Amino acid sequence: MEHLIILGFVFLNLFMVLGAVDLFYFHIWKYKLHARPESRYEHKLHMAFAFLMVPVGYLLFFQNSGGWALWAGGAFVAAALGTELLDVMSENDSRASIGGLSTAEYSLHAVLTILKVAAFAFIFASKPIEAWSLSSPAVLGSYGWMGEMMAAKVMIGSFAVGILHLALLHPAVASRDLRTICSVTVCRRRSCCTD
């Protein structure tokens, strides 16, 4: 079962790294979804997903949960995936003014979904059948300091991303043009400054 746990953590961390690329490059920098009125609903779904990943990170990856804690972790996973499904269904309307999803972003979303679902599936598959009993202890043990450190990174990062999404919903923040950084960093030759 240990190899399933390792795979779960590997896929979770790959998801977090590539998810940061999707968030900071596509959502915030390139398309400024937070500043588009038609994209506010999608932005709120991204915020909800980020906040849902905090209890998922704790209940499934920070500790080896069983019993009610394992079922709670499963419920948070279901809520996160349901939020993602709503996100997918909203993207046509949300991105209509910019021509829809680019091929690169669409491909990245497909990879992110595979990584995230694989991480959840491997962690769930690593659980012995007794762990699913409600009479099972809530904590079955530890994944070790490395697992706790990786899970803490996921929880802290997800909470920070949720707060960032919340801040970007504020009209004063959403109206700021992030390209003004070009005037500070003197990167006029970069594509980010010439779009």
N, C-alpha and C. Protein backbone atom coordinates (compact mmCIF):
# COMPACT_ATOMS: atom_id res chain seq x y z
N MET A 1 0.81 -1.20 0.00
CA MET A 1 0.00 0.00 0.00
C MET A 1 0.85 1.27 0.00
N GLU A 2 2.10 1.16 0.45
CA GLU A 2 2.95 2.35 0.54
C GLU A 2 3.18 2.98 -0.83
N HIS A 3 3.30 2.16 -1.88
CA HIS A 3 3.52 2.72 -3.22
C HIS A 3 2.30 3.55 -3.67
N LEU A 4 1.10 3.18 -3.25
CA LEU A 4 -0.09 3.95 -3.60
C LEU A 4 -0.07 5.32 -2.90
N ILE A 5 0.39 5.33 -1.67
CA ILE A 5 0.49 6.59 -0.91
C ILE A 5 1.50 7.51 -1.58
N ILE A 6 2.66 6.95 -1.95
CA ILE A 6 3.69 7.76 -2.61
C ILE A 6 3.16 8.33 -3.91
N LEU A 7 2.48 7.52 -4.71
CA LEU A 7 1.90 8.01 -5.97
C LEU A 7 0.87 9.10 -5.70
N GLY A 8 0.07 8.93 -4.65
CA GLY A 8 -0.91 9.96 -4.31
C GLY A 8 -0.25 11.30 -4.03
N PHE A 9 0.84 11.27 -3.27
CA PHE A 9 1.55 12.51 -2.95
C PHE A 9 2.25 13.10 -4.18
N VAL A 10 2.83 12.25 -5.01
CA VAL A 10 3.49 12.73 -6.23
C VAL A 10 2.49 13.44 -7.13
N PHE A 11 1.35 12.79 -7.38
CA PHE A 11 0.34 13.40 -8.25
C PHE A 11 -0.25 14.67 -7.64
N LEU A 12 -0.43 14.69 -6.33
CA LEU A 12 -0.95 15.89 -5.67
C LEU A 12 0.01 17.05 -5.85
N ASN A 13 1.29 16.80 -5.67
CA ASN A 13 2.28 17.88 -5.79
C ASN A 13 2.44 18.35 -7.23
N LEU A 14 2.37 17.43 -8.19
CA LEU A 14 2.39 17.85 -9.60
C LEU A 14 1.18 18.72 -9.91
N PHE A 15 0.02 18.33 -9.37
CA PHE A 15 -1.19 19.12 -9.57
C PHE A 15 -1.01 20.54 -9.01
N MET A 16 -0.43 20.66 -7.82
CA MET A 16 -0.26 21.98 -7.20
C MET A 16 0.70 22.85 -8.02
N VAL A 17 1.79 22.28 -8.52
CA VAL A 17 2.76 23.06 -9.30
C VAL A 17 2.13 23.54 -10.60
N LEU A 18 1.51 22.63 -11.35
CA LEU A 18 0.90 23.02 -12.63
C LEU A 18 -0.34 23.90 -12.40
N GLY A 19 -1.04 23.68 -11.29
CA GLY A 19 -2.17 24.53 -10.96
C GLY A 19 -1.74 25.96 -10.72
N ALA A 20 -0.55 26.16 -10.15
CA ALA A 20 -0.03 27.51 -9.94
C ALA A 20 0.25 28.19 -11.28
N VAL A 21 0.75 27.43 -12.26
CA VAL A 21 0.96 27.98 -13.60
C VAL A 21 -0.37 28.43 -14.20
N ASP A 22 -1.38 27.57 -14.10
CA ASP A 22 -2.71 27.89 -14.62
C ASP A 22 -3.26 29.15 -13.95
N LEU A 23 -3.16 29.21 -12.63
CA LEU A 23 -3.68 30.35 -11.89
C LEU A 23 -2.96 31.65 -12.24
N PHE A 24 -1.64 31.65 -12.04
CA PHE A 24 -0.92 32.91 -12.17
C PHE A 24 -0.71 33.34 -13.61
N TYR A 25 -0.44 32.40 -14.51
CA TYR A 25 -0.22 32.80 -15.90
C TYR A 25 -1.53 33.02 -16.65
N PHE A 26 -2.38 31.99 -16.71
CA PHE A 26 -3.59 32.09 -17.52
C PHE A 26 -4.68 32.94 -16.86
N HIS A 27 -5.04 32.58 -15.63
CA HIS A 27 -6.20 33.22 -15.01
C HIS A 27 -5.95 34.66 -14.60
N ILE A 28 -4.81 34.94 -13.98
CA ILE A 28 -4.57 36.28 -13.45
C ILE A 28 -3.83 37.17 -14.45
N TRP A 29 -2.73 36.69 -14.99
CA TRP A 29 -1.89 37.54 -15.84
C TRP A 29 -2.45 37.70 -17.25
N LYS A 30 -2.62 36.59 -17.95
CA LYS A 30 -2.98 36.66 -19.37
C LYS A 30 -4.42 37.09 -19.61
N TYR A 31 -5.38 36.45 -18.92
CA TYR A 31 -6.79 36.72 -19.20
C TYR A 31 -7.48 37.60 -18.16
N LYS A 32 -6.84 37.82 -17.03
CA LYS A 32 -7.41 38.68 -15.97
C LYS A 32 -8.87 38.32 -15.70
N LEU A 33 -9.12 37.05 -15.44
CA LEU A 33 -10.49 36.60 -15.23
C LEU A 33 -11.17 37.36 -14.08
N HIS A 34 -10.41 37.73 -13.07
CA HIS A 34 -10.97 38.43 -11.92
C HIS A 34 -11.54 39.80 -12.29
N ALA A 35 -11.06 40.38 -13.40
CA ALA A 35 -11.49 41.71 -13.80
C ALA A 35 -12.61 41.69 -14.84
N ARG A 36 -12.99 40.52 -15.31
CA ARG A 36 -14.04 40.41 -16.32
C ARG A 36 -15.37 40.10 -15.64
N PRO A 37 -16.35 40.97 -15.80
CA PRO A 37 -17.65 40.72 -15.15
C PRO A 37 -18.24 39.36 -15.53
N GLU A 38 -18.07 38.94 -16.77
CA GLU A 38 -18.62 37.66 -17.21
C GLU A 38 -17.87 36.46 -16.62
N SER A 39 -16.72 36.70 -16.02
CA SER A 39 -15.92 35.61 -15.45
C SER A 39 -15.97 35.56 -13.92
N ARG A 40 -16.72 36.44 -13.29
CA ARG A 40 -16.76 36.47 -11.82
C ARG A 40 -17.25 35.16 -11.21
N TYR A 41 -18.26 34.55 -11.83
CA TYR A 41 -18.77 33.28 -11.31
C TYR A 41 -17.68 32.21 -11.37
N GLU A 42 -16.98 32.13 -12.49
CA GLU A 42 -15.88 31.16 -12.61
C GLU A 42 -14.80 31.46 -11.57
N HIS A 43 -14.50 32.73 -11.38
CA HIS A 43 -13.49 33.12 -10.39
C HIS A 43 -13.92 32.69 -8.98
N LYS A 44 -15.20 32.86 -8.67
CA LYS A 44 -15.71 32.43 -7.35
C LYS A 44 -15.62 30.91 -7.19
N LEU A 45 -15.84 30.18 -8.27
CA LEU A 45 -15.70 28.72 -8.21
C LEU A 45 -14.25 28.33 -7.96
N HIS A 46 -13.30 29.04 -8.57
CA HIS A 46 -11.89 28.77 -8.31
C HIS A 46 -11.56 29.02 -6.85
N MET A 47 -12.14 30.10 -6.29
CA MET A 47 -11.93 30.41 -4.88
C MET A 47 -12.49 29.30 -3.99
N ALA A 48 -13.71 28.84 -4.30
CA ALA A 48 -14.32 27.77 -3.50
C ALA A 48 -13.48 26.51 -3.56
N PHE A 49 -12.98 26.16 -4.76
CA PHE A 49 -12.14 24.97 -4.89
C PHE A 49 -10.89 25.10 -4.03
N ALA A 50 -10.26 26.27 -4.06
CA ALA A 50 -9.04 26.46 -3.26
C ALA A 50 -9.32 26.26 -1.78
N PHE A 51 -10.40 26.84 -1.28
CA PHE A 51 -10.72 26.68 0.14
C PHE A 51 -11.08 25.23 0.46
N LEU A 52 -11.73 24.51 -0.45
CA LEU A 52 -12.07 23.10 -0.21
C LEU A 52 -10.82 22.22 -0.14
N MET A 53 -9.76 22.62 -0.81
CA MET A 53 -8.53 21.82 -0.79
C MET A 53 -7.83 21.86 0.57
N VAL A 54 -8.18 22.83 1.42
CA VAL A 54 -7.56 22.88 2.76
C VAL A 54 -7.99 21.67 3.59
N PRO A 55 -9.30 21.41 3.78
CA PRO A 55 -9.67 20.21 4.53
C PRO A 55 -9.31 18.91 3.81
N VAL A 56 -9.33 18.92 2.47
CA VAL A 56 -8.90 17.72 1.73
C VAL A 56 -7.44 17.43 2.06
N GLY A 57 -6.61 18.46 2.02
CA GLY A 57 -5.19 18.27 2.34
C GLY A 57 -4.98 17.74 3.75
N TYR A 58 -5.77 18.24 4.69
CA TYR A 58 -5.62 17.80 6.08
C TYR A 58 -6.16 16.38 6.28
N LEU A 59 -7.38 16.13 5.84
CA LEU A 59 -8.03 14.85 6.14
C LEU A 59 -7.48 13.68 5.34
N LEU A 60 -6.96 13.94 4.16
CA LEU A 60 -6.48 12.82 3.34
C LEU A 60 -4.97 12.72 3.23
N PHE A 61 -4.26 13.84 3.38
CA PHE A 61 -2.82 13.80 3.14
C PHE A 61 -1.98 14.16 4.37
N PHE A 62 -2.46 15.04 5.23
CA PHE A 62 -1.67 15.41 6.41
C PHE A 62 -1.65 14.27 7.42
N GLN A 63 -2.78 13.62 7.58
CA GLN A 63 -2.83 12.47 8.48
C GLN A 63 -3.48 11.29 7.75
N ASN A 64 -3.17 10.12 8.21
CA ASN A 64 -3.75 8.90 7.66
C ASN A 64 -5.09 8.69 8.35
N SER A 65 -6.14 9.19 7.72
CA SER A 65 -7.46 9.19 8.35
C SER A 65 -8.21 7.89 8.13
N GLY A 66 -9.08 7.60 9.08
CA GLY A 66 -10.01 6.49 8.98
C GLY A 66 -11.34 6.91 9.57
N GLY A 67 -12.32 6.03 9.52
CA GLY A 67 -13.62 6.30 10.14
C GLY A 67 -14.28 7.56 9.62
N TRP A 68 -14.86 8.32 10.55
CA TRP A 68 -15.58 9.53 10.15
C TRP A 68 -14.69 10.53 9.43
N ALA A 69 -13.41 10.61 9.81
CA ALA A 69 -12.49 11.58 9.18
C ALA A 69 -12.25 11.21 7.71
N LEU A 70 -12.16 9.92 7.43
CA LEU A 70 -11.98 9.48 6.05
C LEU A 70 -13.23 9.80 5.23
N TRP A 71 -14.40 9.54 5.80
CA TRP A 71 -15.65 9.87 5.11
C TRP A 71 -15.79 11.38 4.91
N ALA A 72 -15.38 12.16 5.90
CA ALA A 72 -15.41 13.62 5.75
C ALA A 72 -14.47 14.06 4.63
N GLY A 73 -13.28 13.44 4.58
CA GLY A 73 -12.35 13.73 3.48
C GLY A 73 -12.97 13.41 2.13
N GLY A 74 -13.66 12.27 2.06
CA GLY A 74 -14.35 11.90 0.82
C GLY A 74 -15.44 12.90 0.45
N ALA A 75 -16.15 13.42 1.46
CA ALA A 75 -17.19 14.41 1.20
C ALA A 75 -16.59 15.71 0.67
N PHE A 76 -15.45 16.12 1.23
CA PHE A 76 -14.79 17.34 0.74
C PHE A 76 -14.25 17.13 -0.68
N VAL A 77 -13.76 15.93 -0.97
CA VAL A 77 -13.32 15.63 -2.35
C VAL A 77 -14.50 15.72 -3.30
N ALA A 78 -15.63 15.15 -2.91
CA ALA A 78 -16.84 15.21 -3.75
C ALA A 78 -17.26 16.66 -3.97
N ALA A 79 -17.21 17.48 -2.92
CA ALA A 79 -17.56 18.90 -3.06
C ALA A 79 -16.58 19.62 -3.98
N ALA A 80 -15.29 19.31 -3.85
CA ALA A 80 -14.27 19.95 -4.70
C ALA A 80 -14.48 19.56 -6.16
N LEU A 81 -14.72 18.28 -6.41
CA LEU A 81 -14.93 17.83 -7.80
C LEU A 81 -16.25 18.35 -8.35
N GLY A 82 -17.27 18.48 -7.51
CA GLY A 82 -18.53 19.09 -7.94
C GLY A 82 -18.33 20.56 -8.31
N THR A 83 -17.53 21.26 -7.53
CA THR A 83 -17.20 22.65 -7.83
C THR A 83 -16.46 22.74 -9.16
N GLU A 84 -15.56 21.81 -9.38
CA GLU A 84 -14.83 21.79 -10.65
C GLU A 84 -15.76 21.52 -11.83
N LEU A 85 -16.73 20.65 -11.64
CA LEU A 85 -17.70 20.38 -12.70
C LEU A 85 -18.49 21.64 -13.04
N LEU A 86 -18.91 22.39 -12.03
CA LEU A 86 -19.59 23.66 -12.26
C LEU A 86 -18.68 24.64 -13.01
N ASP A 87 -17.40 24.62 -12.67
CA ASP A 87 -16.42 25.47 -13.34
C ASP A 87 -16.34 25.13 -14.83
N VAL A 88 -16.24 23.85 -15.14
CA VAL A 88 -16.17 23.42 -16.54
C VAL A 88 -17.43 23.86 -17.30
N MET A 89 -18.58 23.71 -16.66
CA MET A 89 -19.84 24.08 -17.32
C MET A 89 -19.97 25.60 -17.51
N SER A 90 -19.25 26.38 -16.72
CA SER A 90 -19.36 27.84 -16.83
C SER A 90 -18.35 28.44 -17.80
N GLU A 91 -17.35 27.68 -18.22
CA GLU A 91 -16.25 28.27 -18.98
C GLU A 91 -16.65 28.80 -20.35
N ASN A 92 -17.61 28.19 -21.03
CA ASN A 92 -18.02 28.72 -22.34
C ASN A 92 -18.52 30.14 -22.22
N ASP A 93 -19.43 30.39 -21.28
CA ASP A 93 -19.96 31.74 -21.10
C ASP A 93 -18.90 32.69 -20.54
N SER A 94 -18.10 32.19 -19.62
CA SER A 94 -17.09 33.00 -18.96
C SER A 94 -16.01 33.48 -19.92
N ARG A 95 -15.68 32.64 -20.89
CA ARG A 95 -14.57 32.97 -21.80
C ARG A 95 -15.04 33.39 -23.19
N ALA A 96 -16.33 33.58 -23.40
CA ALA A 96 -16.85 33.90 -24.74
C ALA A 96 -16.22 35.17 -25.30
N SER A 97 -16.03 36.19 -24.48
CA SER A 97 -15.50 37.46 -24.98
C SER A 97 -14.03 37.39 -25.39
N ILE A 98 -13.34 36.34 -24.96
CA ILE A 98 -11.92 36.18 -25.34
C ILE A 98 -11.73 34.99 -26.27
N GLY A 99 -12.82 34.51 -26.85
CA GLY A 99 -12.72 33.43 -27.83
C GLY A 99 -12.68 32.04 -27.25
N GLY A 100 -13.05 31.89 -25.98
CA GLY A 100 -13.07 30.58 -25.34
C GLY A 100 -11.70 30.21 -24.79
N LEU A 101 -11.58 28.97 -24.37
CA LEU A 101 -10.32 28.47 -23.82
C LEU A 101 -9.31 28.27 -24.95
N SER A 102 -8.08 28.69 -24.71
CA SER A 102 -7.03 28.41 -25.69
C SER A 102 -6.68 26.93 -25.63
N THR A 103 -6.08 26.43 -26.68
CA THR A 103 -5.68 25.02 -26.71
C THR A 103 -4.71 24.70 -25.57
N ALA A 104 -3.79 25.62 -25.30
CA ALA A 104 -2.81 25.39 -24.22
C ALA A 104 -3.50 25.30 -22.87
N GLU A 105 -4.42 26.21 -22.60
CA GLU A 105 -5.10 26.18 -21.30
C GLU A 105 -6.03 24.97 -21.20
N TYR A 106 -6.70 24.66 -22.27
CA TYR A 106 -7.58 23.48 -22.28
C TYR A 106 -6.77 22.22 -21.98
N SER A 107 -5.61 22.10 -22.61
CA SER A 107 -4.74 20.94 -22.38
C SER A 107 -4.26 20.90 -20.93
N LEU A 108 -3.89 22.06 -20.41
CA LEU A 108 -3.43 22.13 -19.02
C LEU A 108 -4.55 21.72 -18.07
N HIS A 109 -5.78 22.16 -18.34
CA HIS A 109 -6.92 21.78 -17.50
C HIS A 109 -7.13 20.26 -17.52
N ALA A 110 -6.97 19.65 -18.68
CA ALA A 110 -7.12 18.19 -18.77
C ALA A 110 -6.06 17.49 -17.93
N VAL A 111 -4.82 17.94 -18.03
CA VAL A 111 -3.73 17.35 -17.24
C VAL A 111 -3.98 17.55 -15.75
N LEU A 112 -4.42 18.75 -15.36
CA LEU A 112 -4.69 19.04 -13.95
C LEU A 112 -5.78 18.14 -13.39
N THR A 113 -6.82 17.90 -14.17
CA THR A 113 -7.91 17.03 -13.72
C THR A 113 -7.40 15.61 -13.53
N ILE A 114 -6.59 15.13 -14.45
CA ILE A 114 -6.03 13.78 -14.34
C ILE A 114 -5.17 13.67 -13.08
N LEU A 115 -4.30 14.64 -12.86
CA LEU A 115 -3.40 14.60 -11.70
C LEU A 115 -4.17 14.63 -10.39
N LYS A 116 -5.16 15.50 -10.31
CA LYS A 116 -5.93 15.65 -9.08
C LYS A 116 -6.73 14.40 -8.77
N VAL A 117 -7.43 13.88 -9.77
CA VAL A 117 -8.24 12.67 -9.56
C VAL A 117 -7.34 11.48 -9.24
N ALA A 118 -6.19 11.40 -9.88
CA ALA A 118 -5.25 10.31 -9.59
C ALA A 118 -4.75 10.39 -8.15
N ALA A 119 -4.44 11.60 -7.68
CA ALA A 119 -3.98 11.77 -6.29
C ALA A 119 -5.04 11.27 -5.32
N PHE A 120 -6.28 11.68 -5.54
CA PHE A 120 -7.37 11.25 -4.66
C PHE A 120 -7.57 9.73 -4.74
N ALA A 121 -7.56 9.20 -5.96
CA ALA A 121 -7.81 7.77 -6.16
C ALA A 121 -6.73 6.93 -5.48
N PHE A 122 -5.47 7.33 -5.61
CA PHE A 122 -4.39 6.55 -4.99
C PHE A 122 -4.47 6.58 -3.47
N ILE A 123 -4.81 7.74 -2.90
CA ILE A 123 -4.93 7.81 -1.43
C ILE A 123 -6.10 6.95 -0.97
N PHE A 124 -7.24 7.04 -1.65
CA PHE A 124 -8.39 6.21 -1.28
C PHE A 124 -8.07 4.73 -1.44
N ALA A 125 -7.36 4.37 -2.51
CA ALA A 125 -7.02 2.96 -2.77
C ALA A 125 -6.04 2.42 -1.74
N SER A 126 -5.28 3.29 -1.10
CA SER A 126 -4.30 2.84 -0.11
C SER A 126 -4.95 2.46 1.22
N LYS A 127 -6.21 2.82 1.39
CA LYS A 127 -6.89 2.57 2.67
C LYS A 127 -7.35 1.12 2.76
N PRO A 128 -7.06 0.46 3.87
CA PRO A 128 -7.62 -0.89 4.06
C PRO A 128 -9.14 -0.79 4.25
N ILE A 129 -9.84 -1.83 3.94
CA ILE A 129 -11.31 -1.81 3.99
C ILE A 129 -11.82 -1.45 5.39
N GLU A 130 -11.08 -1.85 6.43
CA GLU A 130 -11.50 -1.54 7.80
C GLU A 130 -11.49 -0.04 8.08
N ALA A 131 -10.65 0.71 7.36
CA ALA A 131 -10.55 2.15 7.58
C ALA A 131 -11.85 2.86 7.26
N TRP A 132 -12.67 2.25 6.40
CA TRP A 132 -13.92 2.87 5.97
C TRP A 132 -15.05 2.65 6.97
N SER A 133 -14.83 1.83 7.97
CA SER A 133 -15.85 1.61 9.00
C SER A 133 -15.94 2.85 9.88
N LEU A 134 -17.16 3.27 10.20
CA LEU A 134 -17.32 4.43 11.06
C LEU A 134 -16.78 4.19 12.47
N SER A 135 -16.62 2.92 12.85
CA SER A 135 -16.05 2.61 14.16
C SER A 135 -14.52 2.62 14.13
N SER A 136 -13.93 2.82 12.97
CA SER A 136 -12.48 2.89 12.85
C SER A 136 -11.97 4.19 13.48
N PRO A 137 -10.76 4.18 14.05
CA PRO A 137 -10.21 5.42 14.61
C PRO A 137 -10.10 6.51 13.54
N ALA A 138 -10.28 7.75 13.95
CA ALA A 138 -10.19 8.88 13.02
C ALA A 138 -8.78 9.05 12.48
N VAL A 139 -7.78 8.72 13.29
CA VAL A 139 -6.38 8.81 12.85
C VAL A 139 -5.78 7.41 12.93
N LEU A 140 -5.35 6.91 11.77
CA LEU A 140 -4.79 5.57 11.69
C LEU A 140 -3.28 5.57 11.82
N GLY A 141 -2.69 6.73 11.80
CA GLY A 141 -1.24 6.83 11.88
C GLY A 141 -0.77 8.07 11.15
N SER A 142 0.49 8.06 10.80
CA SER A 142 1.09 9.22 10.15
C SER A 142 1.71 8.80 8.83
N TYR A 143 1.76 9.72 7.88
CA TYR A 143 2.49 9.47 6.63
C TYR A 143 3.94 9.90 6.77
N GLY A 144 4.34 10.28 7.96
CA GLY A 144 5.72 10.70 8.20
C GLY A 144 5.90 12.20 8.01
N TRP A 145 7.06 12.67 8.41
CA TRP A 145 7.30 14.11 8.37
C TRP A 145 7.28 14.66 6.94
N MET A 146 7.74 13.86 5.98
CA MET A 146 7.75 14.32 4.59
C MET A 146 6.32 14.48 4.07
N GLY A 147 5.46 13.51 4.37
CA GLY A 147 4.07 13.61 3.97
C GLY A 147 3.38 14.78 4.63
N GLU A 148 3.65 14.97 5.93
CA GLU A 148 3.05 16.10 6.65
C GLU A 148 3.52 17.44 6.08
N MET A 149 4.80 17.50 5.71
CA MET A 149 5.34 18.73 5.14
C MET A 149 4.69 19.03 3.79
N MET A 150 4.55 18.00 2.93
CA MET A 150 3.92 18.21 1.62
C MET A 150 2.45 18.58 1.78
N ALA A 151 1.77 17.93 2.71
CA ALA A 151 0.35 18.24 2.94
C ALA A 151 0.20 19.65 3.50
N ALA A 152 1.09 20.05 4.38
CA ALA A 152 1.04 21.41 4.93
C ALA A 152 1.23 22.44 3.82
N LYS A 153 2.12 22.14 2.88
CA LYS A 153 2.34 23.03 1.73
C LYS A 153 1.05 23.16 0.92
N VAL A 154 0.36 22.05 0.72
CA VAL A 154 -0.91 22.07 -0.02
C VAL A 154 -1.96 22.89 0.73
N MET A 155 -2.06 22.67 2.04
CA MET A 155 -3.07 23.39 2.83
C MET A 155 -2.78 24.88 2.88
N ILE A 156 -1.54 25.26 3.15
CA ILE A 156 -1.18 26.67 3.23
C ILE A 156 -1.31 27.33 1.87
N GLY A 157 -0.83 26.66 0.83
CA GLY A 157 -0.92 27.20 -0.53
C GLY A 157 -2.36 27.37 -0.97
N SER A 158 -3.19 26.39 -0.70
CA SER A 158 -4.60 26.46 -1.09
C SER A 158 -5.32 27.57 -0.34
N PHE A 159 -5.04 27.72 0.95
CA PHE A 159 -5.66 28.79 1.73
C PHE A 159 -5.21 30.15 1.19
N ALA A 160 -3.92 30.28 0.89
CA ALA A 160 -3.41 31.55 0.35
C ALA A 160 -4.05 31.87 -1.00
N VAL A 161 -4.23 30.85 -1.85
CA VAL A 161 -4.87 31.06 -3.15
C VAL A 161 -6.33 31.45 -2.96
N GLY A 162 -7.01 30.84 -2.00
CA GLY A 162 -8.38 31.23 -1.70
C GLY A 162 -8.48 32.69 -1.28
N ILE A 163 -7.56 33.12 -0.42
CA ILE A 163 -7.52 34.52 0.03
C ILE A 163 -7.21 35.44 -1.15
N LEU A 164 -6.28 35.02 -2.02
CA LEU A 164 -5.96 35.82 -3.21
C LEU A 164 -7.20 35.99 -4.09
N HIS A 165 -7.93 34.90 -4.32
CA HIS A 165 -9.15 34.99 -5.12
C HIS A 165 -10.16 35.94 -4.45
N LEU A 166 -10.27 35.86 -3.16
CA LEU A 166 -11.19 36.73 -2.42
C LEU A 166 -10.78 38.19 -2.59
N ALA A 167 -9.49 38.47 -2.46
CA ALA A 167 -8.99 39.84 -2.62
C ALA A 167 -9.23 40.35 -4.04
N LEU A 168 -9.03 39.47 -5.03
CA LEU A 168 -9.21 39.88 -6.43
C LEU A 168 -10.67 40.16 -6.78
N LEU A 169 -11.60 39.71 -5.94
CA LEU A 169 -13.01 40.02 -6.17
C LEU A 169 -13.35 41.46 -5.79
N HIS A 170 -12.50 42.08 -4.99
CA HIS A 170 -12.76 43.46 -4.58
C HIS A 170 -12.58 44.36 -5.80
N PRO A 171 -13.55 45.25 -6.06
CA PRO A 171 -13.48 46.09 -7.27
C PRO A 171 -12.19 46.91 -7.39
N ALA A 172 -11.67 47.41 -6.30
CA ALA A 172 -10.45 48.22 -6.37
C ALA A 172 -9.26 47.39 -6.83
N VAL A 173 -9.21 46.14 -6.41
CA VAL A 173 -8.11 45.26 -6.81
C VAL A 173 -8.33 44.77 -8.24
N ALA A 174 -9.56 44.36 -8.55
CA ALA A 174 -9.87 43.83 -9.88
C ALA A 174 -9.63 44.85 -10.97
N SER A 175 -9.78 46.15 -10.67
CA SER A 175 -9.62 47.18 -11.70
C SER A 175 -8.16 47.53 -11.97
N ARG A 176 -7.26 47.08 -11.14
CA ARG A 176 -5.84 47.38 -11.35
C ARG A 176 -5.33 46.65 -12.59
N ASP A 177 -4.49 47.32 -13.34
CA ASP A 177 -3.89 46.71 -14.53
C ASP A 177 -2.55 46.13 -14.11
N LEU A 178 -2.47 44.81 -14.08
CA LEU A 178 -1.25 44.14 -13.63
C LEU A 178 -0.08 44.38 -14.58
N ARG A 179 -0.33 44.86 -15.76
CA ARG A 179 0.75 45.10 -16.71
C ARG A 179 1.60 46.30 -16.31
N THR A 180 1.12 47.11 -15.38
CA THR A 180 1.92 48.24 -14.95
C THR A 180 3.22 47.78 -14.32
N ILE A 181 3.33 46.52 -13.99
CA ILE A 181 4.59 45.99 -13.47
C ILE A 181 5.70 46.12 -14.52
N CYS A 182 5.30 46.15 -15.79
CA CYS A 182 6.29 46.28 -16.86
C CYS A 182 7.06 47.58 -16.76
N SER A 183 6.37 48.64 -16.34
CA SER A 183 7.06 49.92 -16.23
C SER A 183 8.06 49.91 -15.07
N VAL A 184 7.81 49.06 -14.09
CA VAL A 184 8.72 48.98 -12.94
C VAL A 184 9.89 48.07 -13.24
N THR A 185 9.64 46.98 -13.95
CA THR A 185 10.69 45.98 -14.17
C THR A 185 11.44 46.18 -15.47
N VAL A 186 11.06 47.14 -16.27
CA VAL A 186 11.70 47.44 -17.54
C VAL A 186 11.78 46.18 -18.41
N CYS A 187 10.64 45.52 -18.60
CA CYS A 187 10.62 44.31 -19.43
C CYS A 187 9.84 44.56 -20.71
N ARG A 188 10.01 45.71 -21.32
CA ARG A 188 9.22 46.10 -22.47
C ARG A 188 9.36 45.15 -23.65
N ARG A 189 10.42 44.39 -23.72
CA ARG A 189 10.61 43.46 -24.84
C ARG A 189 9.83 42.17 -24.63
N ARG A 190 9.32 41.93 -23.45
CA ARG A 190 8.59 40.69 -23.18
C ARG A 190 7.16 40.82 -23.70
N SER A 191 6.59 39.69 -24.07
CA SER A 191 5.24 39.69 -24.63
C SER A 191 4.21 40.19 -23.63
N CYS A 192 4.47 40.03 -22.33
CA CYS A 192 3.51 40.47 -21.34
C CYS A 192 3.34 41.98 -21.36
N CYS A 193 4.33 42.71 -21.86
CA CYS A 193 4.28 44.17 -21.85
C CYS A 193 3.82 44.73 -23.19
N THR A 194 3.74 43.92 -24.20
CA THR A 194 3.41 44.44 -25.53
C THR A 194 2.05 43.97 -26.02
N ASP A 195 1.32 43.17 -25.24
CA ASP A 195 0.01 42.70 -25.68
C ASP A 195 -0.98 43.83 -25.78
